[in-house]
């Protein structure tokens, strides 16, 4: 009889428990996420980790586990891109028409391959899908790196997720509004030869430029992240700025579709400006890292002081106690 009433009570209480779980689950997730943000990682020197991988089997197992975790984050990022591409299918036609405006619209393009238009559609859908998925991709990489970051670095990295989309879209907009109007007249009228544009060649050219310049515009966030992890120091970036400008010039020459210095400068100048902005980001990350390191050192010293036993008090001698009583 007792079991019967217990089962009856569980059946009656189940809807209320389910409602309570649904209501309380967001608060539980928020609380877990808050604890995750405020959790400080264990400090391990990089040299110790490298030597441990060579000599310690448990460290190698840990490394393989981290590689497996990274693979899962990468797989979820690819799935995010697929979802973004599926969503972009609804407005890809409008994007194709918009991208064709610098050359006079779609009517100015002539296809010679039956599958060329389909390839163009898929290429533009892929680019727009990547742009839509940039916040999620950045979040996945942040989620992978967050367990090894300090609390302040986790919060700032979380704040940088929307900035990743802004910088990437900035590179795409820069390509469309500044680079294409400067490069296309030179390319289409070089040596007085009028070029007949194919959709495949034109959209491969445009989407390639947009993607790589979008990736290049992520430089400040990349520098900030590497500085927060301790791989780069801002002083090194300041001292090696001449070498950085040479590397940027080489990259600009590789990205730029033309050989003239004007279009190369159109790419080189904003990327150089981004490099100096990255130095500012690096100083911010380095200052935060030093501040957190000082706090951690103070906490360690305080714990060491607490662990030390208090010095034993010397008992007063018998003569002093007797003398004080007589007085």
Protein backbone atom coordinates (compact mmCIF):
# COMPACT_ATOMS: atom_id res chain seq x y z
CA UNK A 1 0.00 0.00 0.00
CA UNK A 2 2.83 2.33 0.85
CA UNK A 3 4.47 1.73 -2.56
CA UNK A 4 1.14 2.44 -4.27
CA UNK A 5 0.78 5.85 -2.59
CA UNK A 6 4.42 6.64 -3.33
CA UNK A 7 3.94 5.90 -7.03
CA UNK A 8 0.69 7.87 -7.05
CA UNK A 9 2.47 10.84 -5.43
CA UNK A 10 5.28 10.70 -8.01
CA UNK A 11 2.74 10.62 -10.87
CA UNK A 12 0.86 13.62 -9.44
CA UNK A 13 4.06 15.55 -8.63
CA UNK A 14 5.78 14.86 -11.98
CA UNK A 15 4.16 17.77 -13.92
CA UNK A 16 5.05 20.19 -11.12
CA UNK A 17 8.64 18.92 -11.01
CA UNK A 18 8.90 19.25 -14.79
CA UNK A 19 7.61 22.84 -14.65
CA UNK A 20 10.07 23.63 -11.86
CA UNK A 21 12.97 22.20 -13.87
CA UNK A 22 11.99 24.22 -16.93
CA UNK A 23 11.72 27.42 -14.86
CA UNK A 24 14.91 26.87 -12.86
CA UNK A 25 17.13 25.57 -15.69
CA UNK A 26 18.02 29.05 -17.08
CA UNK A 27 19.04 30.22 -13.60
CA UNK A 28 21.12 27.06 -13.07
CA UNK A 29 22.86 27.55 -16.42
CA UNK A 30 23.53 31.23 -15.65
CA UNK A 31 24.98 30.30 -12.27
CA UNK A 32 27.22 27.63 -13.82
CA UNK A 33 28.37 30.05 -16.50
CA UNK A 34 29.16 32.68 -13.86
CA UNK A 35 31.24 30.17 -11.89
CA UNK A 36 33.00 29.19 -15.11
CA UNK A 37 33.89 32.84 -15.81
CA UNK A 38 35.25 33.38 -12.29
CA UNK A 39 37.29 30.16 -12.11
CA UNK A 40 41.04 30.74 -12.18
CA UNK A 41 43.18 28.17 -14.07
CA UNK A 42 46.21 26.44 -12.67
CA UNK A 43 49.47 28.11 -13.67
CA UNK A 44 51.94 25.86 -15.54
CA UNK A 45 55.09 27.20 -17.25
CA UNK A 46 55.24 26.53 -20.98
CA UNK A 47 58.61 24.77 -20.69
CA UNK A 48 57.23 22.46 -18.03
CA UNK A 49 54.31 21.52 -20.30
CA UNK A 50 56.64 20.75 -23.25
CA UNK A 51 58.96 18.64 -21.12
CA UNK A 52 55.96 16.90 -19.57
CA UNK A 53 54.64 15.91 -22.99
CA UNK A 54 57.96 14.21 -23.75
CA UNK A 55 58.47 12.48 -20.40
CA UNK A 56 55.04 12.10 -18.79
CA UNK A 57 52.44 9.71 -20.22
CA UNK A 58 49.59 11.40 -18.36
CA UNK A 59 50.56 14.73 -19.94
CA UNK A 60 50.49 13.11 -23.39
CA UNK A 61 47.05 11.68 -22.63
CA UNK A 62 45.95 15.16 -21.55
CA UNK A 63 47.26 16.60 -24.83
CA UNK A 64 45.38 14.01 -26.88
CA UNK A 65 42.23 14.79 -24.91
CA UNK A 66 42.66 18.50 -25.67
CA UNK A 67 43.12 17.71 -29.37
CA UNK A 68 39.89 15.71 -29.28
CA UNK A 69 38.09 18.60 -27.59
CA UNK A 70 39.45 20.99 -30.23
CA UNK A 71 38.21 18.64 -32.95
CA UNK A 72 34.70 18.75 -31.48
CA UNK A 73 34.76 22.56 -31.34
CA UNK A 74 35.98 22.65 -34.94
CA UNK A 75 33.22 20.27 -36.01
CA UNK A 76 30.58 22.43 -34.32
CA UNK A 77 32.05 25.48 -36.07
CA UNK A 78 31.69 23.73 -39.43
CA UNK A 79 28.08 22.87 -38.55
CA UNK A 80 27.53 26.53 -37.70
CA UNK A 81 28.83 27.51 -41.15
CA UNK A 82 26.47 24.97 -42.75
CA UNK A 83 23.52 26.46 -40.87
CA UNK A 84 24.63 29.96 -41.92
CA UNK A 85 24.85 28.87 -45.56
CA UNK A 86 21.36 27.34 -45.39
CA UNK A 87 19.97 30.59 -43.98
CA UNK A 88 21.79 32.68 -46.60
CA UNK A 89 20.12 30.74 -49.42
CA UNK A 90 17.03 32.93 -48.93
CA UNK A 91 18.83 36.17 -49.84
CA UNK A 92 21.81 34.98 -51.92
CA UNK A 93 20.19 36.18 -55.16
CA UNK A 94 19.93 39.72 -53.80
CA UNK A 95 23.58 39.57 -52.65
CA UNK A 96 24.71 38.37 -56.10
CA UNK A 97 22.90 41.28 -57.75
CA UNK A 98 24.41 43.71 -55.23
CA UNK A 99 27.97 42.43 -55.78
CA UNK A 100 27.56 42.71 -59.55
CA UNK A 101 26.71 46.43 -59.43
CA UNK A 102 30.35 47.66 -59.75
CA UNK A 103 30.51 46.11 -63.26
CA UNK A 104 27.03 47.14 -64.39
CA UNK A 105 24.87 44.36 -62.96
CA UNK A 106 24.33 40.73 -63.88
CA UNK A 107 23.58 41.62 -67.49
CA UNK A 108 27.24 42.58 -67.96
CA UNK A 109 28.37 39.04 -67.12
CA UNK A 110 28.36 36.23 -69.69
CA UNK A 111 28.42 32.58 -68.68
CA UNK A 112 29.87 29.95 -71.03
CA UNK A 113 29.37 26.94 -68.76
CA UNK A 114 25.90 25.52 -67.93
CA UNK A 115 26.86 25.02 -64.25
CA UNK A 116 28.65 28.36 -63.88
CA UNK A 117 25.67 30.21 -62.40
CA UNK A 118 25.10 27.46 -59.83
CA UNK A 119 28.76 27.64 -58.80
CA UNK A 120 28.52 31.41 -58.39
CA UNK A 121 25.37 31.06 -56.30
CA UNK A 122 27.01 28.52 -53.98
CA UNK A 123 30.20 30.58 -53.66
CA UNK A 124 28.31 33.71 -52.62
CA UNK A 125 26.09 31.67 -50.28
CA UNK A 126 29.22 30.22 -48.65
CA UNK A 127 30.74 33.67 -48.07
CA UNK A 128 27.52 35.07 -46.60
CA UNK A 129 27.14 31.92 -44.48
CA UNK A 130 30.65 32.39 -43.08
CA UNK A 131 29.84 36.02 -42.23
CA UNK A 132 26.68 34.91 -40.41
CA UNK A 133 28.58 32.19 -38.55
CA UNK A 134 31.56 34.35 -37.49
CA UNK A 135 30.10 35.07 -33.99
CA UNK A 136 29.42 31.39 -33.39
CA UNK A 137 32.84 30.32 -34.73
CA UNK A 138 34.51 32.88 -32.46
CA UNK A 139 32.45 31.66 -29.51
CA UNK A 140 33.54 28.06 -30.13
CA UNK A 141 37.22 29.03 -30.20
CA UNK A 142 36.71 31.13 -27.05
CA UNK A 143 34.99 28.18 -25.37
CA UNK A 144 37.97 25.98 -26.20
CA UNK A 145 40.54 28.48 -24.88
CA UNK A 146 38.55 29.76 -21.87
CA UNK A 147 39.54 27.00 -19.38
CA UNK A 148 43.17 28.13 -19.71
CA UNK A 149 42.40 31.86 -19.33
CA UNK A 150 42.12 33.95 -16.21
CA UNK A 151 38.79 35.38 -15.13
CA UNK A 152 39.45 38.85 -16.56
CA UNK A 153 40.71 37.41 -19.85
CA UNK A 154 37.61 35.23 -20.18
CA UNK A 155 35.28 38.21 -19.73
CA UNK A 156 37.17 40.41 -22.16
CA UNK A 157 37.35 37.54 -24.66
CA UNK A 158 33.60 37.10 -24.37
CA UNK A 159 33.18 40.80 -25.04
CA UNK A 160 35.41 40.42 -28.12
CA UNK A 161 33.05 37.93 -29.82
CA UNK A 162 30.82 40.64 -31.38
CA UNK A 163 33.97 42.63 -32.22
CA UNK A 164 35.17 39.70 -34.35
CA UNK A 165 32.06 40.07 -36.53
CA UNK A 166 32.47 43.84 -36.70
CA UNK A 167 36.11 43.59 -37.82
CA UNK A 168 35.35 40.87 -40.38
CA UNK A 169 32.41 42.81 -41.84
CA UNK A 170 34.65 45.90 -41.85
CA UNK A 171 37.10 44.08 -44.12
CA UNK A 172 34.27 43.02 -46.43
CA UNK A 173 32.83 46.55 -46.60
CA UNK A 174 36.30 48.02 -47.21
CA UNK A 175 36.78 45.64 -50.13
CA UNK A 176 33.45 46.52 -51.73
CA UNK A 177 33.48 50.29 -51.20
CA UNK A 178 37.18 51.16 -51.63
CA UNK A 179 39.24 48.36 -53.15
CA UNK A 180 36.91 47.21 -55.94
CA UNK A 181 36.18 50.71 -57.32
CA UNK A 182 39.95 51.30 -57.47
CA UNK A 183 40.99 47.92 -58.88
CA UNK A 184 38.26 47.11 -61.41
CA UNK A 185 38.79 50.07 -63.83
CA UNK A 186 42.50 49.23 -64.00
CA UNK A 187 41.86 45.53 -64.61
CA UNK A 188 39.04 45.90 -67.14
CA UNK A 189 40.82 48.50 -69.31
CA UNK A 190 44.44 47.45 -69.04
CA UNK A 191 46.34 48.17 -72.31
CA UNK A 192 43.06 49.33 -73.84
CA UNK A 193 41.75 45.76 -74.04
CA UNK A 194 38.10 45.43 -73.04
CA UNK A 195 37.56 42.40 -70.83
CA UNK A 196 34.54 40.13 -71.17
CA UNK A 197 33.63 39.13 -67.64
CA UNK A 198 32.46 35.64 -66.71
CA UNK A 199 30.41 35.14 -63.53
CA UNK A 200 32.80 32.46 -62.24
CA UNK A 201 35.95 34.56 -62.63
CA UNK A 202 34.36 37.79 -61.36
CA UNK A 203 32.71 36.37 -58.24
CA UNK A 204 35.75 34.22 -57.41
CA UNK A 205 37.82 37.38 -57.54
CA UNK A 206 35.37 39.42 -55.41
CA UNK A 207 34.59 36.80 -52.77
CA UNK A 208 38.27 35.86 -52.43
CA UNK A 209 39.23 39.48 -51.77
CA UNK A 210 36.39 39.95 -49.30
CA UNK A 211 37.20 36.81 -47.36
CA UNK A 212 40.96 37.40 -47.02
CA UNK A 213 40.62 41.06 -46.15
CA UNK A 214 37.94 40.14 -43.61
CA UNK A 215 40.38 37.67 -42.04
CA UNK A 216 43.16 40.29 -42.12
CA UNK A 217 40.97 42.77 -40.27
CA UNK A 218 40.85 40.30 -37.34
CA UNK A 219 44.51 41.13 -36.58
CA UNK A 220 43.85 43.32 -33.48
CA UNK A 221 41.80 40.61 -31.79
CA UNK A 222 44.41 37.96 -32.65
CA UNK A 223 47.21 40.09 -31.17
CA UNK A 224 45.16 40.75 -28.05
CA UNK A 225 44.47 37.03 -27.59
CA UNK A 226 48.13 36.05 -28.06
CA UNK A 227 49.24 38.75 -25.62
CA UNK A 228 46.68 37.62 -23.04
CA UNK A 229 48.12 34.11 -23.28
CA UNK A 230 51.66 35.42 -22.85
CA UNK A 231 52.99 34.52 -26.32
CA UNK A 232 53.55 38.14 -27.43
CA UNK A 233 54.66 41.28 -25.60
CA UNK A 234 53.73 44.79 -26.82
CA UNK A 235 57.35 45.97 -26.62
CA UNK A 236 58.32 43.38 -29.25
CA UNK A 237 55.56 44.66 -31.56
CA UNK A 238 56.77 48.24 -31.12
CA UNK A 239 60.43 47.36 -31.70
CA UNK A 240 59.69 45.24 -34.79
CA UNK A 241 57.26 47.61 -36.52
CA UNK A 242 59.55 48.06 -39.54
CA UNK A 243 59.67 44.31 -40.13
CA UNK A 244 55.89 44.19 -39.68
CA UNK A 245 55.40 46.86 -42.36
CA UNK A 246 57.55 44.83 -44.79
CA UNK A 247 55.50 41.69 -44.08
CA UNK A 248 52.27 43.67 -44.53
CA UNK A 249 53.56 44.96 -47.89
CA UNK A 250 54.26 41.39 -49.02
CA UNK A 251 50.79 40.27 -47.92
CA UNK A 252 49.19 43.27 -49.63
CA UNK A 253 51.00 42.39 -52.85
CA UNK A 254 49.72 38.80 -52.57
CA UNK A 255 46.12 39.84 -51.82
CA UNK A 256 45.91 42.72 -54.31
CA UNK A 257 44.74 41.53 -57.75
CA UNK A 258 46.70 44.22 -59.60
CA UNK A 259 50.40 45.05 -59.80
CA UNK A 260 50.08 48.83 -59.56
CA UNK A 261 51.20 50.52 -56.32
CA UNK A 262 47.95 52.47 -55.88
CA UNK A 263 45.75 49.43 -55.28
CA UNK A 264 48.50 47.81 -53.23
CA UNK A 265 48.57 50.92 -51.02
CA UNK A 266 44.77 50.71 -50.64
CA UNK A 267 45.29 47.35 -48.92
CA UNK A 268 48.55 48.15 -47.17
CA UNK A 269 47.51 51.37 -45.44
CA UNK A 270 44.48 50.03 -43.50
CA UNK A 271 46.32 46.82 -42.54
CA UNK A 272 49.27 48.90 -41.28
CA UNK A 273 46.84 51.03 -39.29
CA UNK A 274 45.33 47.83 -37.89
CA UNK A 275 48.82 46.73 -36.83
CA UNK A 276 49.33 49.87 -34.75
CA UNK A 277 45.82 49.48 -33.32
CA UNK A 278 46.87 45.93 -32.43
CA UNK A 279 49.78 47.34 -30.42
CA UNK A 280 47.25 49.28 -28.33
CA UNK A 281 45.20 46.12 -27.83
CA UNK A 282 48.39 44.31 -26.84
CA UNK A 283 49.22 46.91 -24.18
CA UNK A 284 45.72 46.57 -22.73
CA UNK A 285 46.02 42.78 -22.59
CA UNK A 286 49.54 42.94 -21.14
CA UNK A 287 48.52 45.41 -18.43
CA UNK A 288 45.61 43.18 -17.46
CA UNK A 289 47.87 40.14 -17.38
CA UNK A 290 50.41 41.90 -15.15
CA UNK A 291 47.64 43.12 -12.84
CA UNK A 292 46.18 39.64 -12.50
CA UNK A 293 49.66 38.22 -11.92
CA UNK A 294 50.27 40.71 -9.10
CA UNK A 295 46.93 39.78 -7.51
CA UNK A 296 47.74 36.09 -7.74
CA UNK A 297 51.14 36.70 -6.15
CA UNK A 298 49.52 38.64 -3.30
CA UNK A 299 47.05 35.81 -2.73
CA UNK A 300 49.87 33.25 -2.65
CA UNK A 301 51.81 35.33 -0.13
CA UNK A 302 48.71 35.75 2.02
CA UNK A 303 48.10 31.98 1.97
CA UNK A 304 51.72 31.31 2.88
CA UNK A 305 51.44 33.72 5.82
CA UNK A 306 48.26 31.98 7.00
CA UNK A 307 49.90 28.56 6.77
CA UNK A 308 52.88 29.59 8.88
CA UNK A 309 52.36 28.74 12.59
CA UNK A 310 52.09 31.69 14.91
CA UNK A 311 55.21 32.21 17.05
CA UNK A 312 54.83 30.75 20.55
CA UNK A 313 54.56 33.32 23.31
CA UNK A 314 57.31 33.13 25.89
CA UNK A 315 55.88 32.53 29.38
CA UNK A 316 56.74 35.09 31.97
CA UNK A 317 59.27 34.00 34.55
CA UNK A 318 58.10 33.06 38.05
CA UNK A 319 60.12 35.84 39.66
CA UNK A 320 58.54 38.53 37.50
CA UNK A 321 55.04 37.27 38.28
CA UNK A 322 55.77 37.11 42.04
CA UNK A 323 57.34 40.55 41.97
CA UNK A 324 54.37 42.05 40.21
CA UNK A 325 51.99 40.55 42.77
CA UNK A 326 54.01 42.01 45.67
CA UNK A 327 53.96 45.42 44.12
